[in-house]
Amino acid sequence: MKKKMNLKKGDFVVVISGEDKGKKGQILKAFPSKNRVIVEKVNLIKKHSKPSQTNPQGGIITKEAPIDASNVMLFNEKLNAVSKPVMQDREGRRVRVCKKTGNEL
């Protein structure tokens, strides 16, 4: 059974393992079915592109590659620490809440 991913596009996260450990950034894109996320300025790869009509110059392009969602953790700027997002029922709707503070995300 797959675990549900609690991260969304726009969340501010910290990489907790791997080559880019300690880097912070915003989630640009999330792939819940694959349990992967793309974080800005993290896991950069170089992609060689042939000249085309859209890119007549061609050359080497640096872009972000997806990393596993288990390698990133939500960053709480008020606490200046990482915390887990938890789902709770509030006033008849399910919301994401910071586990340490209880504040809505």
C-alpha atoms as a PDB file:
ATOM      1  CA  MET A   1       0.000   0.000   0.000  1.00  0.00           C
ATOM      2  CA  LYS A   2       1.361   3.418  -0.976  1.00  0.00           C
ATOM      3  CA  LYS A   3       1.617   6.132   1.641  1.00  0.00           C
ATOM      4  CA  LYS A   4      -0.212   9.358   0.773  1.00  0.00           C
ATOM      5  CA  MET A   5       2.086  12.294   0.039  1.00  0.00           C
ATOM      6  CA  ASN A   6       1.397  15.289   2.330  1.00  0.00           C
ATOM      7  CA  LEU A   7       3.433  17.792   0.304  1.00  0.00           C
ATOM      8  CA  LYS A   8       1.955  20.212  -2.237  1.00  0.00           C
ATOM      9  CA  LYS A   9       3.135  22.638  -4.890  1.00  0.00           C
ATOM     10  CA  GLY A  10       4.287  25.863  -3.229  1.00  0.00           C
ATOM     11  CA  ASP A  11       5.369  24.289   0.089  1.00  0.00           C
ATOM     12  CA  PHE A  12       8.744  25.470   1.452  1.00  0.00           C
ATOM     13  CA  VAL A  13      10.870  22.383   2.171  1.00  0.00           C
ATOM     14  CA  VAL A  14      14.359  21.329   3.291  1.00  0.00           C
ATOM     15  CA  VAL A  15      16.244  18.394   1.758  1.00  0.00           C
ATOM     16  CA  ILE A  16      17.063  15.995   4.607  1.00  0.00           C
ATOM     17  CA  SER A  17      19.156  13.400   2.753  1.00  0.00           C
ATOM     18  CA  GLY A  18      21.221  12.945  -0.373  1.00  0.00           C
ATOM     19  CA  GLU A  19      23.699  15.072  -2.285  1.00  0.00           C
ATOM     20  CA  ASP A  20      21.763  18.328  -1.708  1.00  0.00           C
ATOM     21  CA  LYS A  21      21.202  17.798   2.044  1.00  0.00           C
ATOM     22  CA  GLY A  22      20.420  21.053   3.887  1.00  0.00           C
ATOM     23  CA  LYS A  23      19.256  23.020   0.829  1.00  0.00           C
ATOM     24  CA  LYS A  24      15.937  24.867   1.108  1.00  0.00           C
ATOM     25  CA  GLY A  25      13.487  25.656  -1.642  1.00  0.00           C
ATOM     26  CA  GLN A  26       9.914  25.763  -2.825  1.00  0.00           C
ATOM     27  CA  ILE A  27       8.185  22.804  -4.466  1.00  0.00           C
ATOM     28  CA  LEU A  28       7.686  23.662  -8.142  1.00  0.00           C
ATOM     29  CA  LYS A  29       5.841  20.483  -9.105  1.00  0.00           C
ATOM     30  CA  ALA A  30       4.553  17.403  -7.259  1.00  0.00           C
ATOM     31  CA  PHE A  31       3.963  13.901  -8.641  1.00  0.00           C
ATOM     32  CA  PRO A  32       1.851  12.102  -5.977  1.00  0.00           C
ATOM     33  CA  SER A  33       1.459   8.898  -8.012  1.00  0.00           C
ATOM     34  CA  LYS A  34       5.262   8.503  -8.213  1.00  0.00           C
ATOM     35  CA  ASN A  35       5.863  10.014  -4.732  1.00  0.00           C
ATOM     36  CA  ARG A  36       8.333  12.546  -6.180  1.00  0.00           C
ATOM     37  CA  VAL A  37       8.707  16.343  -6.117  1.00  0.00           C
ATOM     38  CA  ILE A  38      10.704  18.977  -8.003  1.00  0.00           C
ATOM     39  CA  VAL A  39      12.288  21.543  -5.663  1.00  0.00           C
ATOM     40  CA  GLU A  40      13.763  24.803  -6.997  1.00  0.00           C
ATOM     41  CA  LYS A  41      17.588  24.873  -7.222  1.00  0.00           C
ATOM     42  CA  VAL A  42      17.864  21.284  -5.904  1.00  0.00           C
ATOM     43  CA  ASN A  43      19.050  18.145  -7.781  1.00  0.00           C
ATOM     44  CA  LEU A  44      20.216  20.083 -10.836  1.00  0.00           C
ATOM     45  CA  ILE A  45      21.004  18.113 -13.994  1.00  0.00           C
ATOM     46  CA  LYS A  46      22.556  19.136 -17.306  1.00  0.00           C
ATOM     47  CA  LYS A  47      20.511  18.264 -20.373  1.00  0.00           C
ATOM     48  CA  HIS A  48      21.995  18.461 -23.876  1.00  0.00           C
ATOM     49  CA  SER A  49      19.541  19.792 -26.452  1.00  0.00           C
ATOM     50  CA  LYS A  50      19.816  19.807 -30.242  1.00  0.00           C
ATOM     51  CA  PRO A  51      19.049  23.044 -32.075  1.00  0.00           C
ATOM     52  CA  SER A  52      15.333  23.238 -32.894  1.00  0.00           C
ATOM     53  CA  GLN A  53      12.823  25.830 -34.013  1.00  0.00           C
ATOM     54  CA  THR A  54      11.942  26.750 -30.418  1.00  0.00           C
ATOM     55  CA  ASN A  55      15.608  26.734 -29.311  1.00  0.00           C
ATOM     56  CA  PRO A  56      17.729  27.597 -32.400  1.00  0.00           C
ATOM     57  CA  GLN A  57      20.967  27.836 -30.379  1.00  0.00           C
ATOM     58  CA  GLY A  58      20.767  24.383 -28.744  1.00  0.00           C
ATOM     59  CA  GLY A  59      23.421  23.642 -26.119  1.00  0.00           C
ATOM     60  CA  ILE A  60      23.462  22.505 -22.511  1.00  0.00           C
ATOM     61  CA  ILE A  61      20.481  23.359 -20.291  1.00  0.00           C
ATOM     62  CA  THR A  62      20.598  23.112 -16.482  1.00  0.00           C
ATOM     63  CA  LYS A  63      17.293  22.156 -14.881  1.00  0.00           C
ATOM     64  CA  GLU A  64      15.821  20.561 -11.756  1.00  0.00           C
ATOM     65  CA  ALA A  65      15.125  16.821 -11.684  1.00  0.00           C
ATOM     66  CA  PRO A  66      12.536  15.123  -9.427  1.00  0.00           C
ATOM     67  CA  ILE A  67      13.626  13.731  -6.054  1.00  0.00           C
ATOM     68  CA  ASP A  68      11.791  11.344  -3.755  1.00  0.00           C
ATOM     69  CA  ALA A  69       9.301  13.002  -1.402  1.00  0.00           C
ATOM     70  CA  SER A  70      10.765  11.067   1.544  1.00  0.00           C
ATOM     71  CA  ASN A  71      14.024  13.027   1.110  1.00  0.00           C
ATOM     72  CA  VAL A  72      12.368  16.394   1.839  1.00  0.00           C
ATOM     73  CA  MET A  73      10.612  17.741   4.921  1.00  0.00           C
ATOM     74  CA  LEU A  74       8.284  20.699   5.393  1.00  0.00           C
ATOM     75  CA  PHE A  75      10.047  23.789   6.801  1.00  0.00           C
ATOM     76  CA  ASN A  76       8.263  26.053   9.303  1.00  0.00           C
ATOM     77  CA  GLU A  77       9.696  29.572   8.999  1.00  0.00           C
ATOM     78  CA  LYS A  78       8.126  30.775  12.281  1.00  0.00           C
ATOM     79  CA  LEU A  79       9.849  28.007  14.279  1.00  0.00           C
ATOM     80  CA  ASN A  80      12.896  27.974  11.966  1.00  0.00           C
ATOM     81  CA  ALA A  81      12.689  24.164  12.082  1.00  0.00           C
ATOM     82  CA  VAL A  82      11.305  21.247  10.111  1.00  0.00           C
ATOM     83  CA  SER A  83       7.970  19.647  11.005  1.00  0.00           C
ATOM     84  CA  LYS A  84       5.533  17.074   9.682  1.00  0.00           C
ATOM     85  CA  PRO A  85       2.209  18.046   8.119  1.00  0.00           C
ATOM     86  CA  VAL A  86      -0.761  16.188   9.639  1.00  0.00           C
ATOM     87  CA  MET A  87      -4.349  15.977   8.381  1.00  0.00           C
ATOM     88  CA  GLN A  88      -7.057  17.023  10.894  1.00  0.00           C
ATOM     89  CA  ASP A  89     -10.813  17.615  10.779  1.00  0.00           C
ATOM     90  CA  ARG A  90     -11.684  21.231  11.560  1.00  0.00           C
ATOM     91  CA  GLU A  91     -15.228  22.565  11.210  1.00  0.00           C
ATOM     92  CA  GLY A  92     -16.266  19.713   8.938  1.00  0.00           C
ATOM     93  CA  ARG A  93     -13.310  19.914   6.534  1.00  0.00           C
ATOM     94  CA  ARG A  94      -9.936  18.211   6.402  1.00  0.00           C
ATOM     95  CA  VAL A  95      -6.968  20.586   6.639  1.00  0.00           C
ATOM     96  CA  ARG A  96      -3.191  20.209   6.797  1.00  0.00           C
ATOM     97  CA  VAL A  97      -1.790  21.223  10.179  1.00  0.00           C
ATOM     98  CA  CYS A  98       1.778  21.636  11.467  1.00  0.00           C
ATOM     99  CA  LYS A  99       2.393  18.810  13.950  1.00  0.00           C
ATOM    100  CA  LYS A 100       4.617  20.912  16.283  1.00  0.00           C
ATOM    101  CA  THR A 101       2.513  24.093  16.505  1.00  0.00           C
ATOM    102  CA  GLY A 102      -0.972  23.031  15.402  1.00  0.00           C
ATOM    103  CA  ASN A 103      -1.191  25.964  12.968  1.00  0.00           C
ATOM    104  CA  GLU A 104      -3.005  25.504   9.671  1.00  0.00           C
ATOM    105  CA  LEU A 105      -0.812  25.301   6.567  1.00  0.00           C
END
